[in-house]
Amino acid sequence: MMIDPQKTVFTTGEVAKICNVSQQTVIRCFDNGRLKGFRVPGSRFRRIPRDSLIEFMKSNGIPLDVIGDGKKRVLVVDDDNNIVEMFEELLGRDGRFDVYSASTGYEAGIKTSEHKPDVILLDFKLPDINGTEVCRAIRSNPAFEHMRIICISGVADPEEIQELHQAGIDEFIRKPFEIRAVINRMAEMLNMT
């Protein structure tokens, strides 16, 4: 369950789902002051502001990833450290993205499961496996169906590019590339523009 990062006030039912507890537990925490909020004037309804919810989640060891911060998660998969560092620096400066990286297909699988990126920038030629296999593995998992995959390569021939599309990439970009164009394309794909 991902929560709209723009949402600022939550019902006790929403807080129960986010924290994976019963609504009665949320109400008890609210009533005894462990969860800060306010009552809707003229009713019994309780509302919890985002800041209070975050404070409550932190103090009770509840992971914050479900409420999100509005940033899109990007996984850069490339064995060329210069390309990884360039994306990390520019996407980090952009401010709209959290950036993770991997240098092998195996590591990409681990980081994909761990961070559930919104978009993967995938090099075609990795030291242990090619991008087609990485893409097939990602597309075989229904939990990852929302992920966008942009494959970047300077060595793929037309047949390999066709194979990549059949494996489920959303876009192919040939090296050398204009990084601002890649960032703009990612933003379009993620409806950030």
Protein backbone atom coordinates (compact mmCIF):
# COMPACT_ATOMS: atom_id res chain seq x y z
CA MET A 1 0.00 0.00 0.00
CA MET A 2 1.62 3.24 -1.14
CA ILE A 3 0.19 6.48 0.20
CA ASP A 4 -0.15 9.70 -1.76
CA PRO A 5 2.92 11.74 -0.70
CA GLN A 6 0.80 14.91 -0.88
CA LYS A 7 -1.67 13.67 1.74
CA THR A 8 -1.28 15.65 4.97
CA VAL A 9 -4.05 14.34 7.26
CA PHE A 10 -5.13 10.73 7.85
CA THR A 11 -8.17 8.98 9.33
CA THR A 12 -7.73 6.35 12.05
CA GLY A 13 -8.65 3.69 9.45
CA GLU A 14 -5.91 4.87 7.10
CA VAL A 15 -3.38 4.95 9.95
CA ALA A 16 -4.40 1.39 10.91
CA LYS A 17 -3.69 0.18 7.35
CA ILE A 18 -0.40 2.07 7.12
CA CYS A 19 0.83 0.77 10.49
CA ASN A 20 -0.67 -2.71 9.98
CA VAL A 21 -2.64 -2.64 13.24
CA SER A 22 -6.34 -2.57 14.09
CA GLN A 23 -8.30 0.66 14.02
CA GLN A 24 -9.08 0.13 17.73
CA THR A 25 -5.34 0.11 18.48
CA VAL A 26 -4.97 3.43 16.65
CA ILE A 27 -7.91 4.91 18.56
CA ARG A 28 -6.43 3.74 21.90
CA CYS A 29 -3.04 5.26 21.00
CA PHE A 30 -4.79 8.50 20.03
CA ASP A 31 -6.92 8.59 23.19
CA ASN A 32 -3.97 7.94 25.54
CA GLY A 33 -1.81 10.58 23.82
CA ARG A 34 0.75 8.27 22.17
CA LEU A 35 -0.52 9.34 18.73
CA LYS A 36 -1.04 13.07 18.32
CA GLY A 37 -3.91 14.47 16.32
CA PHE A 38 -7.21 16.28 16.60
CA ARG A 39 -10.93 15.60 16.65
CA VAL A 40 -13.16 16.86 13.88
CA PRO A 41 -15.32 19.61 15.49
CA GLY A 42 -18.83 18.40 16.32
CA SER A 43 -18.01 14.71 15.81
CA ARG A 44 -16.15 11.78 17.34
CA PHE A 45 -13.85 11.47 14.32
CA ARG A 46 -10.12 11.66 14.91
CA ARG A 47 -7.57 12.92 12.39
CA ILE A 48 -3.81 12.46 12.43
CA PRO A 49 -1.47 14.94 10.67
CA ARG A 50 1.38 13.45 8.59
CA ASP A 51 4.09 14.77 10.96
CA SER A 52 2.41 13.11 13.96
CA LEU A 53 2.02 9.87 12.02
CA ILE A 54 5.72 9.88 11.04
CA GLU A 55 6.75 10.58 14.65
CA PHE A 56 4.50 7.72 15.86
CA MET A 57 5.86 5.31 13.23
CA LYS A 58 9.49 6.16 14.10
CA SER A 59 8.94 5.75 17.85
CA ASN A 60 7.31 2.35 17.29
CA GLY A 61 9.79 1.01 14.73
CA ILE A 62 7.27 0.99 11.86
CA PRO A 63 8.97 1.36 8.43
CA LEU A 64 8.28 4.73 6.81
CA ASP A 65 8.56 3.54 3.20
CA VAL A 66 4.77 3.16 2.76
CA ILE A 67 4.02 6.84 3.33
CA GLY A 68 6.79 7.95 0.97
CA ASP A 69 8.35 11.35 0.56
CA GLY A 70 7.19 11.98 -2.98
CA LYS A 71 10.56 11.15 -4.50
CA LYS A 72 10.79 8.58 -7.25
CA ARG A 73 13.23 5.71 -6.74
CA VAL A 74 15.76 5.11 -9.51
CA LEU A 75 18.06 2.09 -9.78
CA VAL A 76 21.09 2.67 -12.00
CA VAL A 77 22.54 -0.66 -13.17
CA ASP A 78 25.89 -0.25 -14.92
CA ASP A 79 29.39 -1.64 -14.44
CA ASP A 80 30.89 1.67 -15.61
CA ASN A 81 31.41 3.55 -12.36
CA ASN A 82 31.65 6.91 -14.17
CA ILE A 83 28.12 6.53 -15.55
CA VAL A 84 26.76 5.46 -12.14
CA GLU A 85 28.43 8.43 -10.41
CA MET A 86 27.16 10.84 -13.07
CA PHE A 87 23.56 9.67 -12.61
CA GLU A 88 23.88 9.66 -8.80
CA GLU A 89 25.18 13.21 -8.80
CA LEU A 90 22.75 14.70 -11.32
CA LEU A 91 19.63 12.88 -10.10
CA GLY A 92 20.57 13.67 -6.50
CA ARG A 93 20.94 17.35 -7.36
CA ASP A 94 17.62 17.28 -9.22
CA GLY A 95 15.91 16.62 -5.87
CA ARG A 96 13.02 14.55 -7.23
CA PHE A 97 14.76 11.19 -7.04
CA ASP A 98 16.28 8.73 -4.58
CA VAL A 99 19.09 6.94 -6.42
CA TYR A 100 20.42 3.43 -5.85
CA SER A 101 23.01 1.60 -7.92
CA ALA A 102 24.15 -1.88 -8.89
CA SER A 103 27.06 -3.02 -11.05
CA THR A 104 25.93 -6.59 -11.87
CA GLY A 105 22.70 -8.31 -12.83
CA TYR A 106 22.76 -10.27 -9.58
CA GLU A 107 23.13 -7.09 -7.53
CA ALA A 108 20.36 -5.47 -9.62
CA GLY A 109 18.00 -8.29 -8.57
CA ILE A 110 18.78 -7.74 -4.89
CA LYS A 111 18.44 -3.95 -5.11
CA THR A 112 15.18 -4.25 -7.12
CA SER A 113 13.63 -6.41 -4.38
CA GLU A 114 15.01 -4.20 -1.62
CA HIS A 115 14.14 -0.72 -2.97
CA LYS A 116 11.32 -1.41 -5.48
CA PRO A 117 12.44 1.33 -7.87
CA ASP A 118 9.99 3.26 -9.99
CA VAL A 119 12.45 3.21 -12.88
CA ILE A 120 15.56 1.17 -13.70
CA LEU A 121 18.31 2.54 -15.92
CA LEU A 122 19.80 -0.70 -17.19
CA ASP A 123 23.05 -1.21 -19.07
CA PHE A 124 22.74 -3.97 -21.68
CA LYS A 125 26.20 -5.51 -21.21
CA LEU A 126 26.80 -6.41 -17.57
CA PRO A 127 29.71 -8.54 -16.33
CA ASP A 128 27.54 -11.49 -15.26
CA ILE A 129 24.41 -11.36 -17.44
CA ASN A 130 22.92 -9.26 -20.21
CA GLY A 131 20.13 -6.72 -19.80
CA THR A 132 17.60 -8.95 -21.55
CA GLU A 133 17.87 -11.55 -18.79
CA VAL A 134 17.64 -8.91 -16.06
CA CYS A 135 14.54 -7.47 -17.73
CA ARG A 136 12.90 -10.92 -18.06
CA ALA A 137 13.54 -11.62 -14.37
CA ILE A 138 11.97 -8.30 -13.35
CA ARG A 139 8.97 -8.71 -15.67
CA SER A 140 8.32 -12.25 -14.37
CA ASN A 141 7.49 -10.82 -10.92
CA PRO A 142 3.95 -9.32 -10.74
CA ALA A 143 5.03 -7.15 -7.78
CA PHE A 144 7.35 -5.27 -10.16
CA GLU A 145 4.86 -4.61 -12.97
CA HIS A 146 4.79 -0.86 -12.23
CA MET A 147 8.54 -0.50 -12.79
CA ARG A 148 9.73 1.29 -15.90
CA ILE A 149 12.89 -0.03 -17.53
CA ILE A 150 15.12 2.09 -19.73
CA CYS A 151 17.93 0.13 -21.32
CA ILE A 152 21.08 2.06 -22.21
CA SER A 153 23.76 0.63 -24.48
CA GLY A 154 26.29 1.48 -27.11
CA VAL A 155 26.83 -2.09 -28.31
CA ALA A 156 23.39 -3.67 -28.81
CA ASP A 157 22.54 -4.57 -32.40
CA PRO A 158 19.01 -4.25 -33.84
CA GLU A 159 18.13 -7.90 -33.06
CA GLU A 160 19.24 -7.48 -29.43
CA ILE A 161 17.21 -4.28 -29.14
CA GLN A 162 14.14 -6.11 -30.46
CA GLU A 163 14.78 -8.90 -27.93
CA LEU A 164 14.98 -6.29 -25.16
CA HIS A 165 11.60 -4.87 -26.17
CA GLN A 166 10.13 -8.39 -26.20
CA ALA A 167 11.60 -8.93 -22.70
CA GLY A 168 9.71 -5.86 -21.50
CA ILE A 169 11.87 -2.71 -21.61
CA ASP A 170 9.96 0.53 -21.96
CA GLU A 171 12.65 2.45 -23.82
CA PHE A 172 16.06 1.91 -25.44
CA ILE A 173 18.65 4.71 -25.43
CA ARG A 174 21.92 4.40 -27.31
CA LYS A 175 25.26 5.53 -25.81
CA PRO A 176 26.56 8.17 -25.96
CA PHE A 177 23.46 9.92 -24.65
CA GLU A 178 22.45 13.34 -23.41
CA ILE A 179 21.83 12.89 -19.69
CA ARG A 180 19.28 15.71 -19.45
CA ALA A 181 17.25 13.96 -22.18
CA VAL A 182 17.33 10.70 -20.15
CA ILE A 183 16.17 12.51 -17.00
CA ASN A 184 13.39 14.27 -18.93
CA ARG A 185 12.28 10.96 -20.45
CA MET A 186 12.20 9.34 -16.99
CA ALA A 187 10.11 12.21 -15.66
CA GLU A 188 7.65 11.81 -18.56
CA MET A 189 7.38 8.05 -17.99
CA LEU A 190 6.68 8.60 -14.30
CA ASN A 191 4.15 11.38 -14.98
CA MET A 192 6.30 13.94 -13.17
CA THR A 193 6.09 16.64 -15.86
